[in-house]
Amino acid sequence: MHRRLFPRAAALLALAVTAAAVGASGATAESPTPATTQLRATIDTILADSRLAGAQTSVVVVDTDTGQTLYDRNGDRRLVPASNTKLLTSTAALELLGPGHHFSTDVHTTGKRRAGLLSGNLYLRGGGDPTMLAADYDALAAQVAADGVRVVTGNLVADDTRYDHTRLGPDWTWDDEPYYYAAQVSALTVAPDTDYDAGTVIVHAAPADRAGAKPVVSTTPSTGYVHIDNRAETVSEGDTSISIEREHGGNTIVVTGQIAVGDEPASDWVTVWEPTGYAAEVFRAALRRHGVRVLGRTVLGEPTPEAAQQVARHDSMSLGELMTPFLKLSNNGHAEVLTKEIGRVLSGAGTWSAGLTAISEYVADTGMDTETLRQRDGSGLSRRNLVPATEFVDLLAAVRAEPWFATWYAALPIAGQPERFVGGTLRSRMAGTPAAGNVHAKTGSLTGVSALSGYVTSADGHLLAFSILLNNYLTASVKPLEDQIAVALAGHREDAASAARVAQVAPPAVPETPRTPEGVECSWVKPITC
């Protein structure tokens, strides 16, 4: 991996170049302009909110055009960043793998072929693609059939050896395991829909046509890999209270609660136990539909022989395109796959350890002081991740010079934009304010942890980089306070009229945002109560 000019030195040069402009406005760290003084007073007032009583806060704002620090509250304090960790993972992936990087899933054969008979094994080799749908496995099966294979005397081998077999992050909370945001990581997996939550199935519970009967339960994709234990009941009237949860250590999914006759089906995303087997089962079913019979058993985790012949292949969307569902929807699985893929490509080891080492080296190149932070996974689900706000701002300022920056900036959630793949996790926040359509930022949420880091263009056209990390609060949500800060930044102006208003003003009003469960980025997508 190449080493580049250390950005902090470059930043000093930039500050020297802009010193005249900054001096003309009268702004220095010791002597800020009246407008900056007012901004600082406004943010101080927001952070004095009683919802943050006893909590820890770290907030930094920098004008990336001038290098001036507009605000710094505990900027060097290490706090849990939740999904703001994805800022490190995503930028490292774009730099180290490249926006044009693809994941490939292919099918190989071994043994002799005569007419439609294959006297050998069929190998389904995973390349880490987190966007593989049942339809993609169907297309692979169609290619196998088109190649003339009709009967396979050997086994169907599911090759997931591109990555190691450590399925869950070492620090992840055990009771998160059934939920879509903590899916097991494998180089061979299935996503149920175009949210691309790999390693999950969507379970649907529709009411029966009469009270007293069990709801009708189905899955997307349709698969026999999971077993449904349906304990729920259809009732004549009342609120739907369906619970869908997988039991630990296997693929039994228990459905409990009630649903009223005539109600819309209840649905939830549930992780599977061992996603490699899930992919193999979906592929075997697709082979049957296309007239290909595999007489042997399904074998998991064996490598594809070097001499095997390729008969089918599927390439994913590019990494640049993947950034949209990854960052807009804060997809934890994408972050972990990218971490292992970075390790595999750079060092030949598809492990968390190898990937995190490479990410650390890259972000150090951008100017982050990696001696002051700790990254334990790619997504931020671990509570042992610790990053100071000032380091996030250093990263945000530095990556503006990267050739892929426009792609990455567009993939960040955008405040107040209702389309899911535009606004993402900020789609219902800051609407109707100067921050709407302006703030591009990564959200972060765990119980007692909230974060927002990204960019906002000020009222006088300067691109500000900011990081807001809030930990150890007891209230349901502090996201409205993050939004108030972002709106204040959007309205900041270093002109004469603004400078004349030095009195502290009330924080800007923004709509309330819903509370957020553990591990979930709220306000955009899943059928959960936020």
Protein backbone atom coordinates (compact mmCIF):
# COMPACT_ATOMS: atom_id res chain seq x y z
CA MET A 1 0.00 0.00 0.00
CA HIS A 2 1.40 3.35 -1.01
CA ARG A 3 2.09 6.10 1.48
CA ARG A 4 1.09 9.64 0.66
CA LEU A 5 1.90 13.12 1.86
CA PHE A 6 0.91 13.27 5.51
CA PRO A 7 -2.21 15.45 5.40
CA ARG A 8 -1.57 17.28 8.68
CA ALA A 9 1.54 18.78 7.10
CA ALA A 10 -0.51 19.60 4.04
CA ALA A 11 -3.12 21.17 6.30
CA LEU A 12 -0.48 23.48 7.78
CA LEU A 13 0.41 24.61 4.27
CA ALA A 14 -3.26 25.20 3.50
CA LEU A 15 -3.65 27.23 6.66
CA ALA A 16 -0.69 29.38 5.67
CA VAL A 17 -2.22 29.99 2.26
CA THR A 18 -5.57 30.97 3.77
CA ALA A 19 -4.15 32.99 6.65
CA ALA A 20 -4.66 36.25 4.86
CA ALA A 21 -8.32 35.51 4.23
CA VAL A 22 -8.87 34.40 7.79
CA GLY A 23 -7.02 37.42 9.11
CA ALA A 24 -9.15 39.70 7.02
CA SER A 25 -12.26 38.37 8.74
CA GLY A 26 -10.62 38.81 12.12
CA ALA A 27 -11.00 35.12 13.03
CA THR A 28 -8.35 33.21 14.95
CA ALA A 29 -8.57 30.42 17.52
CA GLU A 30 -7.91 32.98 20.25
CA SER A 31 -9.97 35.80 18.72
CA PRO A 32 -13.00 34.45 16.79
CA THR A 33 -15.27 36.69 14.79
CA PRO A 34 -18.55 37.82 16.38
CA ALA A 35 -20.39 35.40 14.09
CA THR A 36 -18.27 32.47 15.28
CA THR A 37 -18.71 33.56 18.87
CA GLN A 38 -22.46 33.51 18.33
CA LEU A 39 -22.31 30.06 16.73
CA ARG A 40 -20.32 28.71 19.67
CA ALA A 41 -22.80 30.15 22.15
CA THR A 42 -25.68 28.55 20.23
CA ILE A 43 -24.04 25.10 20.24
CA ASP A 44 -23.17 25.50 23.93
CA THR A 45 -26.82 26.16 24.66
CA ILE A 46 -27.89 23.07 22.70
CA LEU A 47 -25.40 20.87 24.57
CA ALA A 48 -26.65 22.25 27.90
CA ASP A 49 -29.99 20.52 27.30
CA SER A 50 -31.15 18.44 30.27
CA ARG A 51 -31.30 15.33 28.07
CA LEU A 52 -27.49 15.36 28.13
CA ALA A 53 -27.20 15.71 31.90
CA GLY A 54 -24.49 13.31 33.03
CA ALA A 55 -23.73 12.30 29.45
CA GLN A 56 -20.46 12.62 27.52
CA THR A 57 -20.24 14.87 24.47
CA SER A 58 -17.61 15.41 21.80
CA VAL A 59 -18.33 17.98 19.08
CA VAL A 60 -15.97 19.49 16.52
CA VAL A 61 -16.71 21.75 13.54
CA VAL A 62 -14.08 22.82 11.00
CA ASP A 63 -14.36 25.07 7.95
CA THR A 64 -12.72 22.90 5.30
CA ASP A 65 -12.20 25.91 3.04
CA THR A 66 -10.04 27.81 5.55
CA GLY A 67 -9.00 25.13 8.04
CA GLN A 68 -10.46 27.21 10.89
CA THR A 69 -11.94 25.33 13.84
CA LEU A 70 -15.32 26.92 14.46
CA TYR A 71 -16.20 24.77 17.48
CA ASP A 72 -14.45 22.22 19.69
CA ARG A 73 -16.03 20.64 22.77
CA ASN A 74 -14.01 17.69 24.08
CA GLY A 75 -12.77 17.02 20.57
CA ASP A 76 -10.01 14.68 21.75
CA ARG A 77 -12.31 12.58 23.97
CA ARG A 78 -12.67 8.98 22.80
CA LEU A 79 -16.32 7.99 22.59
CA VAL A 80 -18.29 5.09 21.13
CA PRO A 81 -19.17 6.17 17.56
CA ALA A 82 -21.71 3.46 16.61
CA SER A 83 -22.25 3.51 12.84
CA ASN A 84 -20.00 6.54 12.35
CA THR A 85 -17.35 3.79 12.27
CA LYS A 86 -18.55 3.17 8.71
CA LEU A 87 -16.85 6.43 7.69
CA LEU A 88 -13.49 4.72 8.20
CA THR A 89 -14.54 1.47 6.54
CA SER A 90 -16.18 3.03 3.49
CA THR A 91 -13.39 5.48 2.68
CA ALA A 92 -10.74 2.78 3.11
CA ALA A 93 -12.70 0.43 0.85
CA LEU A 94 -12.98 3.00 -1.93
CA GLU A 95 -9.27 3.78 -1.73
CA LEU A 96 -7.88 0.27 -1.25
CA LEU A 97 -10.31 -1.73 -3.41
CA GLY A 98 -11.34 1.02 -5.83
CA PRO A 99 -14.83 2.17 -6.90
CA GLY A 100 -14.75 -0.33 -9.78
CA HIS A 101 -14.22 -3.36 -7.54
CA HIS A 102 -16.71 -6.21 -8.05
CA PHE A 103 -17.56 -9.36 -6.10
CA SER A 104 -17.87 -12.52 -8.19
CA THR A 105 -19.88 -15.67 -7.49
CA ASP A 106 -19.17 -18.58 -9.80
CA VAL A 107 -19.91 -22.26 -10.40
CA HIS A 108 -17.28 -24.86 -11.29
CA THR A 109 -17.29 -28.55 -12.13
CA THR A 110 -14.83 -31.36 -11.57
CA GLY A 111 -14.82 -34.87 -13.05
CA LYS A 112 -15.80 -36.22 -16.44
CA ARG A 113 -18.75 -35.11 -18.48
CA ARG A 114 -20.65 -37.26 -20.94
CA ALA A 115 -23.77 -35.91 -22.58
CA GLY A 116 -25.69 -34.32 -19.66
CA LEU A 117 -24.02 -36.43 -16.95
CA LEU A 118 -21.33 -34.90 -14.73
CA SER A 119 -19.38 -37.60 -12.86
CA GLY A 120 -17.99 -35.27 -10.24
CA ASN A 121 -18.82 -32.34 -7.96
CA LEU A 122 -20.47 -29.02 -8.60
CA TYR A 123 -18.77 -26.12 -6.75
CA LEU A 124 -20.58 -22.91 -5.84
CA ARG A 125 -17.78 -20.48 -4.99
CA GLY A 126 -18.56 -17.30 -3.09
CA GLY A 127 -16.64 -14.10 -3.63
CA GLY A 128 -18.16 -12.17 -0.73
CA ASP A 129 -21.01 -10.55 -2.68
CA PRO A 130 -23.49 -9.18 -0.10
CA THR A 131 -26.02 -8.34 -2.83
CA MET A 132 -26.71 -11.89 -4.10
CA LEU A 133 -30.45 -12.42 -4.44
CA ALA A 134 -32.37 -15.64 -5.02
CA ALA A 135 -32.84 -14.42 -8.59
CA ASP A 136 -29.06 -14.26 -9.04
CA TYR A 137 -28.69 -17.87 -7.91
CA ASP A 138 -31.49 -18.76 -10.32
CA ALA A 139 -29.54 -17.10 -13.12
CA LEU A 140 -26.43 -19.11 -12.18
CA ALA A 141 -28.48 -22.31 -12.27
CA ALA A 142 -29.79 -21.36 -15.71
CA GLN A 143 -26.19 -20.97 -16.91
CA VAL A 144 -25.33 -24.43 -15.56
CA ALA A 145 -28.31 -25.93 -17.39
CA ALA A 146 -27.44 -24.04 -20.58
CA ASP A 147 -23.94 -25.55 -20.39
CA GLY A 148 -25.57 -28.96 -20.78
CA VAL A 149 -25.38 -30.30 -17.24
CA ARG A 150 -28.43 -32.37 -16.31
CA VAL A 151 -27.26 -34.79 -13.60
CA VAL A 152 -24.44 -34.33 -11.09
CA THR A 153 -23.37 -37.62 -9.51
CA GLY A 154 -21.21 -35.94 -6.87
CA ASN A 155 -21.85 -33.31 -4.25
CA LEU A 156 -22.86 -29.68 -4.30
CA VAL A 157 -19.92 -27.99 -2.58
CA ALA A 158 -20.46 -24.51 -1.13
CA ASP A 159 -17.04 -22.82 -1.17
CA ASP A 160 -16.96 -19.89 1.27
CA THR A 161 -13.19 -20.04 1.84
CA ARG A 162 -12.50 -16.54 0.55
CA TYR A 163 -13.10 -15.38 4.13
CA ASP A 164 -12.53 -17.11 7.46
CA HIS A 165 -15.33 -18.86 9.33
CA THR A 166 -15.66 -16.31 12.14
CA ARG A 167 -19.29 -15.40 11.60
CA LEU A 168 -19.93 -12.74 14.25
CA GLY A 169 -17.92 -9.81 15.55
CA PRO A 170 -16.13 -10.72 18.78
CA ASP A 171 -17.70 -7.88 20.78
CA TRP A 172 -21.24 -8.04 19.45
CA THR A 173 -24.06 -8.32 21.98
CA TRP A 174 -25.40 -11.88 22.12
CA ASP A 175 -29.06 -10.87 22.13
CA ASP A 176 -28.66 -8.98 18.84
CA GLU A 177 -27.97 -12.24 17.02
CA PRO A 178 -31.48 -12.88 15.52
CA TYR A 179 -31.85 -9.37 14.15
CA TYR A 180 -31.01 -8.27 10.61
CA TYR A 181 -28.39 -5.73 11.68
CA ALA A 182 -26.22 -8.48 13.28
CA ALA A 183 -26.28 -11.12 10.53
CA GLN A 184 -23.53 -13.72 10.28
CA VAL A 185 -20.79 -12.87 7.79
CA SER A 186 -19.86 -15.33 5.03
CA ALA A 187 -18.26 -15.12 1.60
CA LEU A 188 -21.31 -17.00 0.30
CA THR A 189 -24.70 -15.68 1.34
CA VAL A 190 -28.16 -14.54 0.23
CA ALA A 191 -29.99 -11.21 0.55
CA PRO A 192 -33.80 -11.39 0.51
CA ASP A 193 -34.44 -8.06 -1.25
CA THR A 194 -32.71 -4.97 -2.59
CA ASP A 195 -31.97 -3.57 0.85
CA TYR A 196 -29.29 -6.29 0.59
CA ASP A 197 -29.38 -7.45 4.21
CA ALA A 198 -27.33 -10.54 3.42
CA GLY A 199 -27.77 -13.58 5.62
CA THR A 200 -31.42 -12.87 6.42
CA VAL A 201 -34.87 -14.01 5.39
CA ILE A 202 -38.02 -11.92 5.49
CA VAL A 203 -40.76 -13.71 7.41
CA HIS A 204 -44.36 -12.73 6.60
CA ALA A 205 -47.34 -13.55 8.82
CA ALA A 206 -50.72 -12.97 7.15
CA PRO A 207 -54.03 -13.40 9.00
CA ALA A 208 -56.10 -16.49 8.30
CA ASP A 209 -59.61 -15.99 6.98
CA ARG A 210 -61.19 -16.85 10.33
CA ALA A 211 -60.50 -16.16 13.98
CA GLY A 212 -58.85 -18.95 15.93
CA ALA A 213 -56.76 -20.20 13.01
CA LYS A 214 -53.01 -19.80 12.78
CA PRO A 215 -51.70 -16.99 10.56
CA VAL A 216 -50.32 -17.98 7.17
CA VAL A 217 -46.52 -17.72 7.40
CA SER A 218 -44.21 -17.49 4.40
CA THR A 219 -40.64 -16.37 3.70
CA THR A 220 -38.78 -14.29 1.15
CA PRO A 221 -37.04 -15.98 -0.51
CA SER A 222 -39.15 -19.11 -0.30
CA THR A 223 -36.81 -21.63 1.33
CA GLY A 224 -36.82 -24.79 3.37
CA TYR A 225 -33.58 -23.77 5.07
CA VAL A 226 -35.49 -22.28 8.00
CA HIS A 227 -38.16 -24.04 10.05
CA ILE A 228 -41.21 -22.03 11.11
CA ASP A 229 -42.68 -22.73 14.55
CA ASN A 230 -46.01 -20.95 14.22
CA ARG A 231 -47.50 -20.27 17.66
CA ALA A 232 -49.44 -17.15 16.65
CA GLU A 233 -53.21 -16.75 16.38
CA THR A 234 -55.65 -14.96 14.11
CA VAL A 235 -58.21 -12.95 16.11
CA SER A 236 -61.46 -11.31 15.07
CA GLU A 237 -60.32 -7.85 16.12
CA GLY A 238 -57.59 -6.07 18.04
CA ASP A 239 -54.10 -4.78 17.50
CA THR A 240 -51.54 -6.87 15.63
CA SER A 241 -48.73 -7.95 17.96
CA ILE A 242 -46.75 -10.48 15.97
CA SER A 243 -43.24 -11.35 17.19
CA ILE A 244 -40.80 -13.14 14.87
CA GLU A 245 -37.51 -14.39 16.31
CA ARG A 246 -34.97 -17.10 15.53
CA GLU A 247 -33.88 -19.44 18.29
CA HIS A 248 -30.17 -19.47 19.09
CA GLY A 249 -27.99 -22.11 17.46
CA GLY A 250 -30.26 -23.13 14.61
CA ASN A 251 -32.80 -22.10 12.02
CA THR A 252 -36.06 -22.48 13.92
CA ILE A 253 -38.00 -19.22 13.69
CA VAL A 254 -40.73 -18.81 16.29
CA VAL A 255 -43.79 -16.72 15.40
CA THR A 256 -45.94 -15.64 18.35
CA GLY A 257 -48.66 -13.08 19.10
CA GLN A 258 -51.85 -12.21 17.28
CA ILE A 259 -53.08 -10.64 14.06
CA ALA A 260 -56.63 -9.58 13.26
CA VAL A 261 -58.67 -10.88 10.34
CA GLY A 262 -58.28 -8.48 7.41
CA ASP A 263 -55.08 -6.82 8.69
CA GLU A 264 -52.07 -6.37 6.45
CA PRO A 265 -49.40 -9.07 6.90
CA ALA A 266 -46.73 -8.48 9.53
CA SER A 267 -43.15 -8.90 8.29
CA ASP A 268 -39.69 -8.88 9.78
CA TRP A 269 -36.12 -9.58 8.70
CA VAL A 270 -34.51 -12.47 10.61
CA THR A 271 -30.93 -13.71 10.42
CA VAL A 272 -30.14 -17.31 9.50
CA TRP A 273 -27.73 -19.64 11.23
CA GLU A 274 -24.88 -20.42 8.80
CA PRO A 275 -25.49 -18.32 5.67
CA THR A 276 -23.27 -20.58 3.52
CA GLY A 277 -25.78 -23.40 3.88
CA TYR A 278 -28.59 -20.95 3.13
CA ALA A 279 -26.96 -19.97 -0.17
CA ALA A 280 -26.35 -23.62 -1.06
CA GLU A 281 -30.00 -24.52 -0.40
CA VAL A 282 -31.28 -21.61 -2.49
CA PHE A 283 -28.93 -22.60 -5.33
CA ARG A 284 -29.86 -26.31 -5.15
CA ALA A 285 -33.55 -25.39 -5.39
CA ALA A 286 -32.79 -23.20 -8.42
CA LEU A 287 -30.91 -26.08 -10.07
CA ARG A 288 -33.98 -28.31 -9.64
CA ARG A 289 -36.20 -25.69 -11.28
CA HIS A 290 -33.86 -25.67 -14.27
CA GLY A 291 -33.79 -29.44 -14.60
CA VAL A 292 -30.40 -30.08 -12.98
CA ARG A 293 -30.32 -32.89 -10.38
CA VAL A 294 -27.52 -33.15 -7.83
CA LEU A 295 -27.43 -36.71 -6.50
CA GLY A 296 -24.90 -36.08 -3.74
CA ARG A 297 -25.17 -34.15 -0.53
CA THR A 298 -24.42 -30.49 0.21
CA VAL A 299 -20.92 -29.95 1.59
CA LEU A 300 -19.99 -26.64 3.22
CA GLY A 301 -16.64 -24.88 3.37
CA GLU A 302 -14.42 -26.88 1.02
CA PRO A 303 -12.27 -25.00 -1.51
CA THR A 304 -12.77 -25.23 -5.25
CA PRO A 305 -9.93 -27.21 -6.91
CA GLU A 306 -7.65 -25.11 -9.08
CA ALA A 307 -8.27 -27.41 -12.06
CA ALA A 308 -12.06 -27.06 -11.84
CA GLN A 309 -13.85 -25.76 -14.93
CA GLN A 310 -16.01 -22.65 -14.65
CA VAL A 311 -19.52 -23.04 -16.05
CA ALA A 312 -21.34 -20.00 -14.60
CA ARG A 313 -20.53 -16.59 -13.13
CA HIS A 314 -22.27 -13.58 -11.63
CA ASP A 315 -20.60 -10.22 -10.96
CA SER A 316 -21.97 -7.77 -8.42
CA MET A 317 -22.60 -4.10 -8.89
CA SER A 318 -19.45 -2.00 -8.55
CA LEU A 319 -18.22 -0.91 -5.14
CA GLY A 320 -18.99 2.68 -6.09
CA GLU A 321 -22.64 1.68 -6.68
CA LEU A 322 -22.71 -0.42 -3.50
CA MET A 323 -21.89 2.68 -1.47
CA THR A 324 -25.50 3.86 -1.88
CA PRO A 325 -27.31 1.00 -0.11
CA PHE A 326 -24.36 0.61 2.26
CA LEU A 327 -24.27 4.18 3.57
CA LYS A 328 -27.83 5.36 2.93
CA LEU A 329 -29.30 2.42 4.85
CA SER A 330 -26.33 1.96 7.22
CA ASN A 331 -25.94 -1.70 6.27
CA ASN A 332 -23.81 -3.42 8.91
CA GLY A 333 -23.27 -6.53 6.81
CA HIS A 334 -21.77 -4.52 3.96
CA ALA A 335 -19.30 -2.94 6.37
CA GLU A 336 -18.12 -6.31 7.68
CA VAL A 337 -17.83 -7.87 4.21
CA LEU A 338 -15.80 -4.89 3.03
CA THR A 339 -13.52 -5.21 6.04
CA LYS A 340 -12.80 -8.87 5.26
CA GLU A 341 -12.52 -8.16 1.52
CA ILE A 342 -9.90 -5.49 2.19
CA GLY A 343 -7.94 -8.02 4.23
CA ARG A 344 -8.24 -10.65 1.51
CA VAL A 345 -7.19 -8.36 -1.34
CA LEU A 346 -4.31 -6.66 0.46
CA SER A 347 -2.86 -9.52 2.49
CA GLY A 348 -4.54 -12.70 1.32
CA ALA A 349 -6.40 -13.13 4.63
CA GLY A 350 -10.17 -12.59 4.63
CA THR A 351 -10.32 -11.82 8.34
CA TRP A 352 -11.41 -8.95 10.54
CA SER A 353 -7.86 -8.60 11.85
CA ALA A 354 -6.26 -8.24 8.41
CA GLY A 355 -8.95 -5.88 7.18
CA LEU A 356 -8.84 -3.64 10.24
CA THR A 357 -5.06 -3.40 10.01
CA ALA A 358 -5.31 -2.17 6.43
CA ILE A 359 -8.10 0.28 7.30
CA SER A 360 -5.98 1.68 10.13
CA GLU A 361 -3.03 2.21 7.79
CA TYR A 362 -5.22 4.00 5.25
CA VAL A 363 -6.90 6.36 7.70
CA ALA A 364 -3.50 7.13 9.22
CA ASP A 365 -2.43 8.20 5.72
CA THR A 366 -5.35 10.62 5.62
CA GLY A 367 -4.24 12.28 8.85
CA MET A 368 -6.19 10.46 11.53
CA ASP A 369 -4.11 9.83 14.62
CA THR A 370 -4.67 6.09 14.98
CA GLU A 371 -2.87 6.10 18.33
CA THR A 372 -5.91 7.89 19.78
CA LEU A 373 -8.65 5.56 18.51
CA ARG A 374 -9.69 1.91 18.41
CA GLN A 375 -11.65 0.15 15.66
CA ARG A 376 -12.94 -3.36 16.40
CA ASP A 377 -15.28 -4.02 13.49
CA GLY A 378 -16.36 -2.47 10.21
CA SER A 379 -19.87 -1.39 11.12
CA GLY A 380 -19.74 0.12 14.61
CA LEU A 381 -21.87 -2.55 16.26
CA SER A 382 -19.07 -3.18 18.77
CA ARG A 383 -19.11 -1.00 21.86
CA ARG A 384 -15.33 -1.27 22.06
CA ASN A 385 -14.92 1.06 19.09
CA LEU A 386 -13.61 4.41 20.35
CA VAL A 387 -12.98 7.46 18.15
CA PRO A 388 -12.59 11.17 19.06
CA ALA A 389 -14.67 13.67 17.11
CA THR A 390 -11.57 15.57 16.00
CA GLU A 391 -10.28 12.45 14.22
CA PHE A 392 -13.52 12.07 12.29
CA VAL A 393 -13.26 15.70 11.20
CA ASP A 394 -9.64 15.15 10.10
CA LEU A 395 -10.82 12.26 7.92
CA LEU A 396 -13.75 14.24 6.51
CA ALA A 397 -11.49 17.14 5.58
CA ALA A 398 -8.81 14.94 4.03
CA VAL A 399 -10.97 12.77 1.77
CA ARG A 400 -12.28 15.79 -0.12
CA ALA A 401 -9.12 15.45 -2.23
CA GLU A 402 -9.77 11.82 -3.18
CA PRO A 403 -10.82 11.07 -6.79
CA TRP A 404 -13.79 9.04 -5.52
CA PHE A 405 -15.02 11.74 -3.12
CA ALA A 406 -18.04 12.77 -5.24
CA THR A 407 -19.31 9.18 -5.28
CA TRP A 408 -18.87 8.82 -1.53
CA TYR A 409 -20.34 12.23 -0.68
CA ALA A 410 -23.46 11.46 -2.75
CA ALA A 411 -23.83 8.09 -0.98
CA LEU A 412 -24.03 9.66 2.49
CA PRO A 413 -27.57 10.15 3.86
CA ILE A 414 -29.00 13.57 3.02
CA ALA A 415 -31.18 15.41 5.53
CA GLY A 416 -34.88 15.82 4.84
CA GLN A 417 -34.96 13.95 1.53
CA PRO A 418 -37.86 11.47 1.67
CA GLU A 419 -36.62 8.97 -0.92
CA ARG A 420 -35.01 6.07 0.95
CA PHE A 421 -32.02 5.82 -1.37
CA VAL A 422 -31.44 9.57 -1.19
CA GLY A 423 -32.24 10.60 2.37
CA GLY A 424 -31.47 7.20 3.88
CA THR A 425 -31.24 7.34 7.65
CA LEU A 426 -31.69 11.14 7.55
CA ARG A 427 -34.79 11.07 5.39
CA SER A 428 -37.17 12.20 8.16
CA ARG A 429 -34.77 14.55 9.92
CA MET A 430 -34.32 18.33 9.55
CA ALA A 431 -37.07 18.61 6.93
CA GLY A 432 -38.16 22.20 6.31
CA THR A 433 -34.93 23.68 7.71
CA PRO A 434 -31.82 25.15 6.04
CA ALA A 435 -30.16 21.76 6.65
CA ALA A 436 -32.62 19.88 4.44
CA GLY A 437 -31.01 18.78 1.19
CA ASN A 438 -27.79 20.26 2.55
CA VAL A 439 -26.42 18.02 5.31
CA HIS A 440 -24.64 14.90 4.02
CA ALA A 441 -23.76 12.88 7.09
CA LYS A 442 -23.46 9.44 8.65
CA THR A 443 -25.77 8.63 11.52
CA GLY A 444 -24.98 6.32 14.43
CA SER A 445 -27.22 4.66 16.99
CA LEU A 446 -26.88 2.24 19.88
CA THR A 447 -28.68 2.37 23.20
CA GLY A 448 -27.16 5.37 24.99
CA VAL A 449 -25.07 6.24 21.92
CA SER A 450 -25.90 8.69 19.14
CA ALA A 451 -23.66 10.23 16.51
CA LEU A 452 -23.79 12.39 13.41
CA SER A 453 -20.69 13.22 11.37
CA GLY A 454 -20.42 14.69 7.91
CA TYR A 455 -20.74 17.92 5.97
CA VAL A 456 -22.96 20.97 5.80
CA THR A 457 -22.65 24.00 3.57
CA SER A 458 -22.92 27.20 5.59
CA ALA A 459 -25.09 30.15 4.56
CA ASP A 460 -22.05 31.85 3.01
CA GLY A 461 -21.08 28.80 0.95
CA HIS A 462 -18.32 27.23 3.04
CA LEU A 463 -18.23 23.44 3.34
CA LEU A 464 -18.07 22.63 7.05
CA ALA A 465 -16.99 19.23 8.36
CA PHE A 466 -18.50 18.29 11.71
CA SER A 467 -18.66 15.40 14.13
CA ILE A 468 -21.15 15.05 16.99
CA LEU A 469 -20.67 12.12 19.38
CA LEU A 470 -23.05 11.72 22.34
CA ASN A 471 -22.66 8.87 24.85
CA ASN A 472 -24.12 7.62 28.13
CA TYR A 473 -27.38 9.54 28.09
CA LEU A 474 -30.50 7.97 29.63
CA THR A 475 -33.25 9.66 27.63
CA ALA A 476 -34.93 7.93 24.68
CA SER A 477 -33.23 10.04 21.99
CA VAL A 478 -30.87 12.97 21.64
CA LYS A 479 -31.04 13.16 17.86
CA PRO A 480 -33.05 16.42 17.94
CA LEU A 481 -30.02 18.03 19.56
CA GLU A 482 -27.76 16.80 16.75
CA ASP A 483 -30.26 18.24 14.29
CA GLN A 484 -30.29 21.61 16.05
CA ILE A 485 -26.51 21.80 15.76
CA ALA A 486 -26.61 20.88 12.06
CA VAL A 487 -29.30 23.49 11.38
CA ALA A 488 -27.26 26.14 13.22
CA LEU A 489 -24.26 25.27 11.04
CA ALA A 490 -26.36 25.53 7.89
CA GLY A 491 -27.40 29.06 8.92
CA HIS A 492 -23.90 30.23 9.90
CA ARG A 493 -22.60 33.22 7.96
CA GLU A 494 -19.38 35.14 8.49
CA ASP A 495 -20.67 38.37 6.90
CA ALA A 496 -21.05 41.80 8.46
CA ALA A 497 -24.78 41.46 9.17
CA SER A 498 -24.24 38.18 10.97
CA ALA A 499 -21.23 39.52 12.83
CA ALA A 500 -23.33 42.35 14.23
CA ARG A 501 -25.63 39.84 15.97
CA VAL A 502 -23.37 38.76 18.78
CA ALA A 503 -26.08 38.05 21.33
CA GLN A 504 -26.80 34.41 22.02
CA VAL A 505 -29.92 33.21 20.24
CA ALA A 506 -32.25 30.33 20.98
CA PRO A 507 -31.28 27.06 19.29
CA PRO A 508 -33.11 26.49 16.00
CA ALA A 509 -36.25 24.39 16.22
CA VAL A 510 -36.32 21.10 14.34
CA PRO A 511 -38.86 18.26 14.27
CA GLU A 512 -38.54 15.52 16.85
CA THR A 513 -37.05 12.23 15.64
CA PRO A 514 -38.15 8.78 16.81
CA ARG A 515 -36.33 6.80 19.46
CA THR A 516 -33.89 4.17 18.27
CA PRO A 517 -33.56 0.56 19.43
CA GLU A 518 -30.19 -1.10 20.00
CA GLY A 519 -28.13 -1.45 16.83
CA VAL A 520 -30.75 0.07 14.55
CA GLU A 521 -30.53 3.18 12.40
CA CYS A 522 -34.07 4.45 12.73
CA SER A 523 -36.43 6.60 10.70
CA TRP A 524 -36.18 4.96 7.35
CA VAL A 525 -36.95 1.38 6.65
CA LYS A 526 -37.68 -1.73 8.67
CA PRO A 527 -41.09 -2.57 10.13
CA ILE A 528 -40.02 -1.98 13.70
CA THR A 529 -41.11 0.41 16.40
CA CYS A 530 -38.47 3.13 16.68
